[in-house]
Amino acid sequence: MRSISRNHPLVLEAVHKVLSEQFSISEAAEQYALPKRTLYDAVRLAQAKPKQQSNKLNATKQLLEQHLKEVEQTLRGLQHS
Protein backbone atom coordinates (compact mmCIF):
# COMPACT_ATOMS: atom_id res chain seq x y z
CA MET A 1 0.00 0.00 0.00
CA ARG A 2 1.19 3.50 -0.74
CA SER A 3 1.12 6.56 1.50
CA ILE A 4 -1.59 8.94 0.33
CA SER A 5 -3.15 12.18 1.54
CA ARG A 6 -6.69 12.24 2.95
CA ASN A 7 -7.44 14.94 0.33
CA HIS A 8 -6.36 12.84 -2.64
CA PRO A 9 -9.18 12.44 -5.21
CA LEU A 10 -9.19 8.64 -4.80
CA VAL A 11 -9.55 8.98 -1.03
CA LEU A 12 -12.36 11.51 -1.41
CA GLU A 13 -14.17 9.23 -3.85
CA ALA A 14 -13.73 6.26 -1.52
CA VAL A 15 -15.02 8.33 1.42
CA HIS A 16 -18.09 9.23 -0.61
CA LYS A 17 -18.72 5.55 -1.36
CA VAL A 18 -18.40 4.68 2.35
CA LEU A 19 -20.63 7.54 3.53
CA SER A 20 -23.26 6.68 0.92
CA GLU A 21 -23.08 3.07 2.17
CA GLN A 22 -22.03 1.67 -1.19
CA PHE A 23 -18.88 0.16 0.38
CA SER A 24 -17.61 -0.63 3.83
CA ILE A 25 -14.26 0.90 4.75
CA SER A 26 -12.55 -2.44 4.09
CA GLU A 27 -14.26 -2.83 0.71
CA ALA A 28 -13.44 0.72 -0.35
CA ALA A 29 -9.83 0.37 0.80
CA GLU A 30 -9.48 -2.76 -1.30
CA GLN A 31 -11.36 -1.34 -4.30
CA TYR A 32 -9.25 1.86 -4.39
CA ALA A 33 -6.00 0.24 -3.16
CA LEU A 34 -5.84 2.57 -0.15
CA PRO A 35 -4.56 1.97 3.36
CA LYS A 36 -7.51 1.25 5.68
CA ARG A 37 -6.13 3.66 8.31
CA THR A 38 -5.99 6.53 5.80
CA LEU A 39 -9.54 5.83 4.67
CA TYR A 40 -10.80 5.40 8.23
CA ASP A 41 -9.25 8.74 9.25
CA ALA A 42 -10.72 10.48 6.19
CA VAL A 43 -14.20 9.08 6.90
CA ARG A 44 -14.03 10.21 10.53
CA LEU A 45 -12.94 13.68 9.44
CA ALA A 46 -15.78 13.88 6.91
CA GLN A 47 -18.30 12.84 9.56
CA ALA A 48 -16.95 15.37 12.06
CA LYS A 49 -17.49 18.36 9.80
CA PRO A 50 -21.30 18.22 9.82
CA LYS A 51 -21.28 17.71 13.60
CA GLN A 52 -19.01 20.72 14.10
CA GLN A 53 -21.22 22.79 11.80
CA SER A 54 -24.31 21.65 13.69
CA ASN A 55 -22.73 22.63 17.02
CA LYS A 56 -21.81 26.06 15.68
CA LEU A 57 -25.30 26.64 14.29
CA ASN A 58 -26.93 25.59 17.56
CA ALA A 59 -24.71 28.00 19.50
CA THR A 60 -25.65 30.80 17.08
CA LYS A 61 -29.32 29.89 17.43
CA GLN A 62 -29.12 30.11 21.22
CA LEU A 63 -27.43 33.50 21.00
CA LEU A 64 -30.07 34.79 18.58
CA GLU A 65 -32.88 33.49 20.80
CA GLN A 66 -31.36 35.36 23.76
CA HIS A 67 -31.10 38.55 21.70
CA LEU A 68 -34.70 38.11 20.56
CA LYS A 69 -35.85 37.86 24.20
CA GLU A 70 -33.98 41.07 25.00
CA VAL A 71 -35.59 42.88 22.04
CA GLU A 72 -39.04 41.64 23.07
CA GLN A 73 -38.47 42.89 26.63
CA THR A 74 -37.37 46.25 25.34
CA LEU A 75 -40.44 46.47 23.09
CA ARG A 76 -42.74 45.59 25.98
CA GLY A 77 -41.08 48.29 28.07
CA LEU A 78 -41.59 50.85 25.31
CA GLN A 79 -45.25 49.90 24.89
CA HIS A 80 -45.94 50.44 28.60
CA SER A 81 -44.23 53.85 28.65
PDB file of N, CA and C in Angstrom:
ATOM      1  N   MET A   1       0.848  -1.192   0.000  1.00  0.00           N
ATOM      2  CA  MET A   1       0.000   0.000   0.000  1.00  0.00           C
ATOM      3  C   MET A   1       0.887   1.246   0.000  1.00  0.00           C
ATOM      4  N   ARG A   2       0.415   2.263  -0.672  1.00  0.00           N
ATOM      5  CA  ARG A   2       1.186   3.499  -0.745  1.00  0.00           C
ATOM      6  C   ARG A   2       0.665   4.516   0.274  1.00  0.00           C
ATOM      7  N   SER A   3       1.527   5.464   0.619  1.00  0.00           N
ATOM      8  CA  SER A   3       1.118   6.561   1.498  1.00  0.00           C
ATOM      9  C   SER A   3       0.393   7.589   0.643  1.00  0.00           C
ATOM     10  N   ILE A   4      -0.762   8.043   1.138  1.00  0.00           N
ATOM     11  CA  ILE A   4      -1.587   8.939   0.325  1.00  0.00           C
ATOM     12  C   ILE A   4      -2.308   9.926   1.241  1.00  0.00           C
ATOM     13  N   SER A   5      -2.492  11.133   0.769  1.00  0.00           N
ATOM     14  CA  SER A   5      -3.154  12.183   1.542  1.00  0.00           C
ATOM     15  C   SER A   5      -4.651  11.925   1.658  1.00  0.00           C
ATOM     16  N   ARG A   6      -5.236  12.377   2.768  1.00  0.00           N
ATOM     17  CA  ARG A   6      -6.690  12.244   2.945  1.00  0.00           C
ATOM     18  C   ARG A   6      -7.456  13.104   1.953  1.00  0.00           C
ATOM     19  N   ASN A   7      -6.779  14.057   1.310  1.00  0.00           N
ATOM     20  CA  ASN A   7      -7.437  14.940   0.334  1.00  0.00           C
ATOM     21  C   ASN A   7      -7.241  14.486  -1.112  1.00  0.00           C
ATOM     22  N   HIS A   8      -6.588  13.366  -1.292  1.00  0.00           N
ATOM     23  CA  HIS A   8      -6.361  12.839  -2.638  1.00  0.00           C
ATOM     24  C   HIS A   8      -7.718  12.475  -3.262  1.00  0.00           C
ATOM     25  N   PRO A   9      -7.891  12.737  -4.561  1.00  0.00           N
ATOM     26  CA  PRO A   9      -9.176  12.440  -5.206  1.00  0.00           C
ATOM     27  C   PRO A   9      -9.670  11.008  -5.009  1.00  0.00           C
ATOM     28  N   LEU A  10      -8.765  10.029  -5.018  1.00  0.00           N
ATOM     29  CA  LEU A  10      -9.194   8.640  -4.795  1.00  0.00           C
ATOM     30  C   LEU A  10      -9.727   8.441  -3.384  1.00  0.00           C
ATOM     31  N   VAL A  11      -9.087   9.086  -2.412  1.00  0.00           N
ATOM     32  CA  VAL A  11      -9.551   8.979  -1.027  1.00  0.00           C
ATOM     33  C   VAL A  11     -10.918   9.638  -0.895  1.00  0.00           C
ATOM     34  N   LEU A  12     -11.077  10.810  -1.491  1.00  0.00           N
ATOM     35  CA  LEU A  12     -12.358  11.509  -1.414  1.00  0.00           C
ATOM     36  C   LEU A  12     -13.478  10.704  -2.069  1.00  0.00           C
ATOM     37  N   GLU A  13     -13.166  10.068  -3.184  1.00  0.00           N
ATOM     38  CA  GLU A  13     -14.169   9.228  -3.850  1.00  0.00           C
ATOM     39  C   GLU A  13     -14.517   8.017  -2.980  1.00  0.00           C
ATOM     40  N   ALA A  14     -13.500   7.411  -2.392  1.00  0.00           N
ATOM     41  CA  ALA A  14     -13.732   6.257  -1.515  1.00  0.00           C
ATOM     42  C   ALA A  14     -14.553   6.661  -0.292  1.00  0.00           C
ATOM     43  N   VAL A  15     -14.254   7.826   0.268  1.00  0.00           N
ATOM     44  CA  VAL A  15     -15.016   8.328   1.424  1.00  0.00           C
ATOM     45  C   VAL A  15     -16.481   8.500   1.035  1.00  0.00           C
ATOM     46  N   HIS A  16     -16.716   9.060  -0.124  1.00  0.00           N
ATOM     47  CA  HIS A  16     -18.092   9.234  -0.606  1.00  0.00           C
ATOM     48  C   HIS A  16     -18.808   7.881  -0.696  1.00  0.00           C
ATOM     49  N   LYS A  17     -18.117   6.882  -1.223  1.00  0.00           N
ATOM     50  CA  LYS A  17     -18.718   5.552  -1.356  1.00  0.00           C
ATOM     51  C   LYS A  17     -19.041   4.959   0.015  1.00  0.00           C
ATOM     52  N   VAL A  18     -18.168   5.193   0.994  1.00  0.00           N
ATOM     53  CA  VAL A  18     -18.404   4.679   2.347  1.00  0.00           C
ATOM     54  C   VAL A  18     -19.575   5.419   2.991  1.00  0.00           C
ATOM     55  N   LEU A  19     -19.574   6.743   2.894  1.00  0.00           N
ATOM     56  CA  LEU A  19     -20.626   7.535   3.528  1.00  0.00           C
ATOM     57  C   LEU A  19     -21.990   7.295   2.881  1.00  0.00           C
ATOM     58  N   SER A  20     -21.996   6.973   1.607  1.00  0.00           N
ATOM     59  CA  SER A  20     -23.261   6.675   0.921  1.00  0.00           C
ATOM     60  C   SER A  20     -23.617   5.193   1.043  1.00  0.00           C
ATOM     61  N   GLU A  21     -22.848   4.478   1.842  1.00  0.00           N
ATOM     62  CA  GLU A  21     -23.082   3.065   2.168  1.00  0.00           C
ATOM     63  C   GLU A  21     -23.028   2.141   0.956  1.00  0.00           C
ATOM     64  N   GLN A  22     -22.240   2.547  -0.038  1.00  0.00           N
ATOM     65  CA  GLN A  22     -22.035   1.668  -1.191  1.00  0.00           C
ATOM     66  C   GLN A  22     -20.937   0.642  -0.904  1.00  0.00           C
ATOM     67  N   PHE A  23     -19.978   1.027  -0.022  1.00  0.00           N
ATOM     68  CA  PHE A  23     -18.884   0.159   0.377  1.00  0.00           C
ATOM     69  C   PHE A  23     -18.645   0.299   1.867  1.00  0.00           C
ATOM     70  N   SER A  24     -18.151  -0.750   2.478  1.00  0.00           N
ATOM     71  CA  SER A  24     -17.610  -0.632   3.834  1.00  0.00           C
ATOM     72  C   SER A  24     -16.213  -0.028   3.705  1.00  0.00           C
ATOM     73  N   ILE A  25     -15.620   0.352   4.814  1.00  0.00           N
ATOM     74  CA  ILE A  25     -14.261   0.895   4.755  1.00  0.00           C
ATOM     75  C   ILE A  25     -13.310  -0.137   4.170  1.00  0.00           C
ATOM     76  N   SER A  26     -13.432  -1.382   4.600  1.00  0.00           N
ATOM     77  CA  SER A  26     -12.551  -2.441   4.085  1.00  0.00           C
ATOM     78  C   SER A  26     -12.740  -2.634   2.587  1.00  0.00           C
ATOM     79  N   GLU A  27     -13.986  -2.655   2.140  1.00  0.00           N
ATOM     80  CA  GLU A  27     -14.259  -2.835   0.711  1.00  0.00           C
ATOM     81  C   GLU A  27     -13.714  -1.668  -0.108  1.00  0.00           C
ATOM     82  N   ALA A  28     -13.927  -0.454   0.381  1.00  0.00           N
ATOM     83  CA  ALA A  28     -13.437   0.724  -0.349  1.00  0.00           C
ATOM     84  C   ALA A  28     -11.913   0.747  -0.370  1.00  0.00           C
ATOM     85  N   ALA A  29     -11.295   0.400   0.743  1.00  0.00           N
ATOM     86  CA  ALA A  29      -9.827   0.372   0.795  1.00  0.00           C
ATOM     87  C   ALA A  29      -9.283  -0.618  -0.230  1.00  0.00           C
ATOM     88  N   GLU A  30      -9.920  -1.765  -0.326  1.00  0.00           N
ATOM     89  CA  GLU A  30      -9.481  -2.764  -1.298  1.00  0.00           C
ATOM     90  C   GLU A  30      -9.758  -2.301  -2.726  1.00  0.00           C
ATOM     91  N   GLN A  31     -10.953  -1.777  -2.955  1.00  0.00           N
ATOM     92  CA  GLN A  31     -11.357  -1.337  -4.298  1.00  0.00           C
ATOM     93  C   GLN A  31     -10.437  -0.236  -4.833  1.00  0.00           C
ATOM     94  N   TYR A  32     -10.054   0.704  -3.964  1.00  0.00           N
ATOM     95  CA  TYR A  32      -9.249   1.855  -4.389  1.00  0.00           C
ATOM     96  C   TYR A  32      -7.765   1.696  -4.049  1.00  0.00           C
ATOM     97  N   ALA A  33      -7.392   0.532  -3.534  1.00  0.00           N
ATOM     98  CA  ALA A  33      -5.997   0.236  -3.161  1.00  0.00           C
ATOM     99  C   ALA A  33      -5.443   1.296  -2.207  1.00  0.00           C
ATOM    100  N   LEU A  34      -6.220   1.562  -1.146  1.00  0.00           N
ATOM    101  CA  LEU A  34      -5.844   2.567  -0.151  1.00  0.00           C
ATOM    102  C   LEU A  34      -5.603   1.901   1.197  1.00  0.00           C
ATOM    103  N   PRO A  35      -4.726   2.480   2.008  1.00  0.00           N
ATOM    104  CA  PRO A  35      -4.563   1.971   3.361  1.00  0.00           C
ATOM    105  C   PRO A  35      -5.870   2.172   4.154  1.00  0.00           C
ATOM    106  N   LYS A  36      -6.272   1.156   4.894  1.00  0.00           N
ATOM    107  CA  LYS A  36      -7.508   1.251   5.683  1.00  0.00           C
ATOM    108  C   LYS A  36      -7.439   2.401   6.677  1.00  0.00           C
ATOM    109  N   ARG A  37      -6.283   2.598   7.308  1.00  0.00           N
ATOM    110  CA  ARG A  37      -6.130   3.658   8.312  1.00  0.00           C
ATOM    111  C   ARG A  37      -6.362   5.024   7.667  1.00  0.00           C
ATOM    112  N   THR A  38      -5.803   5.256   6.499  1.00  0.00           N
ATOM    113  CA  THR A  38      -5.989   6.534   5.801  1.00  0.00           C
ATOM    114  C   THR A  38      -7.464   6.755   5.499  1.00  0.00           C
ATOM    115  N   LEU A  39      -8.120   5.721   5.011  1.00  0.00           N
ATOM    116  CA  LEU A  39      -9.537   5.832   4.666  1.00  0.00           C
ATOM    117  C   LEU A  39     -10.386   6.018   5.922  1.00  0.00           C
ATOM    118  N   TYR A  40     -10.075   5.276   6.963  1.00  0.00           N
ATOM    119  CA  TYR A  40     -10.802   5.405   8.228  1.00  0.00           C
ATOM    120  C   TYR A  40     -10.680   6.830   8.763  1.00  0.00           C
ATOM    121  N   ASP A  41      -9.460   7.374   8.765  1.00  0.00           N
ATOM    122  CA  ASP A  41      -9.251   8.743   9.249  1.00  0.00           C
ATOM    123  C   ASP A  41     -10.015   9.755   8.402  1.00  0.00           C
ATOM    124  N   ALA A  42     -10.024   9.554   7.092  1.00  0.00           N
ATOM    125  CA  ALA A  42     -10.718  10.481   6.194  1.00  0.00           C
ATOM    126  C   ALA A  42     -12.236  10.414   6.408  1.00  0.00           C
ATOM    127  N   VAL A  43     -12.759   9.228   6.646  1.00  0.00           N
ATOM    128  CA  VAL A  43     -14.198   9.080   6.904  1.00  0.00           C
ATOM    129  C   VAL A  43     -14.560   9.767   8.216  1.00  0.00           C
ATOM    130  N   ARG A  44     -13.756   9.559   9.241  1.00  0.00           N
ATOM    131  CA  ARG A  44     -14.027  10.205  10.533  1.00  0.00           C
ATOM    132  C   ARG A  44     -13.995  11.723  10.400  1.00  0.00           C
ATOM    133  N   LEU A  45     -13.034  12.236   9.658  1.00  0.00           N
ATOM    134  CA  LEU A  45     -12.936  13.679   9.443  1.00  0.00           C
ATOM    135  C   LEU A  45     -14.168  14.190   8.694  1.00  0.00           C
ATOM    136  N   ALA A  46     -14.599  13.465   7.685  1.00  0.00           N
ATOM    137  CA  ALA A  46     -15.780  13.881   6.910  1.00  0.00           C
ATOM    138  C   ALA A  46     -17.033  13.862   7.769  1.00  0.00           C
ATOM    139  N   GLN A  47     -17.132  12.914   8.682  1.00  0.00           N
ATOM    140  CA  GLN A  47     -18.296  12.836   9.556  1.00  0.00           C
ATOM    141  C   GLN A  47     -18.258  13.922  10.620  1.00  0.00           C
ATOM    142  N   ALA A  48     -17.087  14.359  11.018  1.00  0.00           N
ATOM    143  CA  ALA A  48     -16.954  15.372  12.064  1.00  0.00           C
ATOM    144  C   ALA A  48     -17.389  16.746  11.568  1.00  0.00           C
ATOM    145  N   LYS A  49     -17.167  17.036  10.319  1.00  0.00           N
ATOM    146  CA  LYS A  49     -17.488  18.357   9.796  1.00  0.00           C
ATOM    147  C   LYS A  49     -18.958  18.724   9.981  1.00  0.00           C
ATOM    148  N   PRO A  50     -19.897  17.856   9.596  1.00  0.00           N
ATOM    149  CA  PRO A  50     -21.304  18.219   9.816  1.00  0.00           C
ATOM    150  C   PRO A  50     -21.626  18.401  11.302  1.00  0.00           C
ATOM    151  N   LYS A  51     -21.022  17.600  12.166  1.00  0.00           N
ATOM    152  CA  LYS A  51     -21.278  17.705  13.601  1.00  0.00           C
ATOM    153  C   LYS A  51     -20.752  19.046  14.119  1.00  0.00           C
ATOM    154  N   GLN A  52     -19.565  19.432  13.681  1.00  0.00           N
ATOM    155  CA  GLN A  52     -19.012  20.724  14.096  1.00  0.00           C
ATOM    156  C   GLN A  52     -19.884  21.862  13.593  1.00  0.00           C
ATOM    157  N   GLN A  53     -20.354  21.755  12.366  1.00  0.00           N
ATOM    158  CA  GLN A  53     -21.217  22.788  11.800  1.00  0.00           C
ATOM    159  C   GLN A  53     -22.529  22.852  12.577  1.00  0.00           C
ATOM    160  N   SER A  54     -23.070  21.699  12.921  1.00  0.00           N
ATOM    161  CA  SER A  54     -24.308  21.652  13.694  1.00  0.00           C
ATOM    162  C   SER A  54     -24.123  22.309  15.060  1.00  0.00           C
ATOM    163  N   ASN A  55     -23.011  22.018  15.713  1.00  0.00           N
ATOM    164  CA  ASN A  55     -22.733  22.629  17.020  1.00  0.00           C
ATOM    165  C   ASN A  55     -22.634  24.144  16.914  1.00  0.00           C
ATOM    166  N   LYS A  56     -21.969  24.619  15.872  1.00  0.00           N
ATOM    167  CA  LYS A  56     -21.814  26.065  15.684  1.00  0.00           C
ATOM    168  C   LYS A  56     -23.173  26.717  15.414  1.00  0.00           C
ATOM    169  N   LEU A  57     -23.982  26.081  14.593  1.00  0.00           N
ATOM    170  CA  LEU A  57     -25.304  26.636  14.290  1.00  0.00           C
ATOM    171  C   LEU A  57     -26.206  26.648  15.521  1.00  0.00           C
ATOM    172  N   ASN A  58     -26.132  25.610  16.333  1.00  0.00           N
ATOM    173  CA  ASN A  58     -26.927  25.587  17.562  1.00  0.00           C
ATOM    174  C   ASN A  58     -26.501  26.682  18.531  1.00  0.00           C
ATOM    175  N   ALA A  59     -25.204  26.925  18.635  1.00  0.00           N
ATOM    176  CA  ALA A  59     -24.714  28.002  19.498  1.00  0.00           C
ATOM    177  C   ALA A  59     -25.198  29.355  18.987  1.00  0.00           C
ATOM    178  N   THR A  60     -25.161  29.552  17.682  1.00  0.00           N
ATOM    179  CA  THR A  60     -25.646  30.796  17.081  1.00  0.00           C
ATOM    180  C   THR A  60     -27.139  30.954  17.322  1.00  0.00           C
ATOM    181  N   LYS A  61     -27.877  29.863  17.190  1.00  0.00           N
ATOM    182  CA  LYS A  61     -29.316  29.890  17.430  1.00  0.00           C
ATOM    183  C   LYS A  61     -29.621  30.310  18.861  1.00  0.00           C
ATOM    184  N   GLN A  62     -28.905  29.748  19.822  1.00  0.00           N
ATOM    185  CA  GLN A  62     -29.121  30.105  21.220  1.00  0.00           C
ATOM    186  C   GLN A  62     -28.836  31.586  21.461  1.00  0.00           C
ATOM    187  N   LEU A  63     -27.769  32.088  20.861  1.00  0.00           N
ATOM    188  CA  LEU A  63     -27.427  33.498  21.000  1.00  0.00           C
ATOM    189  C   LEU A  63     -28.517  34.380  20.395  1.00  0.00           C
ATOM    190  N   LEU A  64     -29.004  34.016  19.223  1.00  0.00           N
ATOM    191  CA  LEU A  64     -30.067  34.789  18.578  1.00  0.00           C
ATOM    192  C   LEU A  64     -31.362  34.756  19.389  1.00  0.00           C
ATOM    193  N   GLU A  65     -31.675  33.589  19.963  1.00  0.00           N
ATOM    194  CA  GLU A  65     -32.877  33.494  20.798  1.00  0.00           C
ATOM    195  C   GLU A  65     -32.762  34.400  22.020  1.00  0.00           C
ATOM    196  N   GLN A  66     -31.573  34.479  22.611  1.00  0.00           N
ATOM    197  CA  GLN A  66     -31.358  35.361  23.758  1.00  0.00           C
ATOM    198  C   GLN A  66     -31.519  36.821  23.346  1.00  0.00           C
ATOM    199  N   HIS A  67     -30.960  37.183  22.203  1.00  0.00           N
ATOM    200  CA  HIS A  67     -31.095  38.553  21.704  1.00  0.00           C
ATOM    201  C   HIS A  67     -32.561  38.873  21.411  1.00  0.00           C
ATOM    202  N   LEU A  68     -33.283  37.909  20.855  1.00  0.00           N
ATOM    203  CA  LEU A  68     -34.698  38.110  20.565  1.00  0.00           C
ATOM    204  C   LEU A  68     -35.487  38.375  21.850  1.00  0.00           C
ATOM    205  N   LYS A  69     -35.180  37.631  22.907  1.00  0.00           N
ATOM    206  CA  LYS A  69     -35.847  37.859  24.195  1.00  0.00           C
ATOM    207  C   LYS A  69     -35.571  39.271  24.710  1.00  0.00           C
ATOM    208  N   GLU A  70     -34.336  39.721  24.559  1.00  0.00           N
ATOM    209  CA  GLU A  70     -33.980  41.069  25.000  1.00  0.00           C
ATOM    210  C   GLU A  70     -34.733  42.126  24.197  1.00  0.00           C
ATOM    211  N   VAL A  71     -34.853  41.936  22.887  1.00  0.00           N
ATOM    212  CA  VAL A  71     -35.586  42.877  22.035  1.00  0.00           C
ATOM    213  C   VAL A  71     -37.060  42.898  22.427  1.00  0.00           C
ATOM    214  N   GLU A  72     -37.635  41.704  22.664  1.00  0.00           N
ATOM    215  CA  GLU A  72     -39.038  41.637  23.067  1.00  0.00           C
ATOM    216  C   GLU A  72     -39.273  42.345  24.400  1.00  0.00           C
ATOM    217  N   GLN A  73     -38.349  42.200  25.348  1.00  0.00           N
ATOM    218  CA  GLN A  73     -38.467  42.887  26.634  1.00  0.00           C
ATOM    219  C   GLN A  73     -38.382  44.403  26.445  1.00  0.00           C
ATOM    220  N   THR A  74     -37.498  44.818  25.600  1.00  0.00           N
ATOM    221  CA  THR A  74     -37.367  46.250  25.336  1.00  0.00           C
ATOM    222  C   THR A  74     -38.630  46.795  24.690  1.00  0.00           C
ATOM    223  N   LEU A  75     -39.204  46.047  23.745  1.00  0.00           N
ATOM    224  CA  LEU A  75     -40.437  46.473  23.089  1.00  0.00           C
ATOM    225  C   LEU A  75     -41.589  46.546  24.090  1.00  0.00           C
ATOM    226  N   ARG A  76     -41.683  45.569  24.976  1.00  0.00           N
ATOM    227  CA  ARG A  76     -42.738  45.594  25.978  1.00  0.00           C
ATOM    228  C   ARG A  76     -42.568  46.813  26.892  1.00  0.00           C
ATOM    229  N   GLY A  77     -41.340  47.120  27.236  1.00  0.00           N
ATOM    230  CA  GLY A  77     -41.083  48.294  28.070  1.00  0.00           C
ATOM    231  C   GLY A  77     -41.477  49.586  27.371  1.00  0.00           C
ATOM    232  N   LEU A  78     -41.228  49.668  26.075  1.00  0.00           N
ATOM    233  CA  LEU A  78     -41.586  50.852  25.308  1.00  0.00           C
ATOM    234  C   LEU A  78     -43.106  50.982  25.164  1.00  0.00           C
ATOM    235  N   GLN A  79     -43.791  49.865  25.047  1.00  0.00           N
ATOM    236  CA  GLN A  79     -45.251  49.897  24.888  1.00  0.00           C
ATOM    237  C   GLN A  79     -45.933  50.329  26.161  1.00  0.00           C
ATOM    238  N   HIS A  80     -45.336  50.074  27.324  1.00  0.00           N
ATOM    239  CA  HIS A  80     -45.936  50.444  28.597  1.00  0.00           C
ATOM    240  C   HIS A  80     -45.523  51.844  29.062  1.00  0.00           C
ATOM    241  N   SER A  81     -44.693  52.499  28.281  1.00  0.00           N
ATOM    242  CA  SER A  81     -44.232  53.847  28.654  1.00  0.00           C
ATOM    243  C   SER A  81     -45.210  54.912  28.214  1.00  0.00           C
TER     244      SER A  81
END
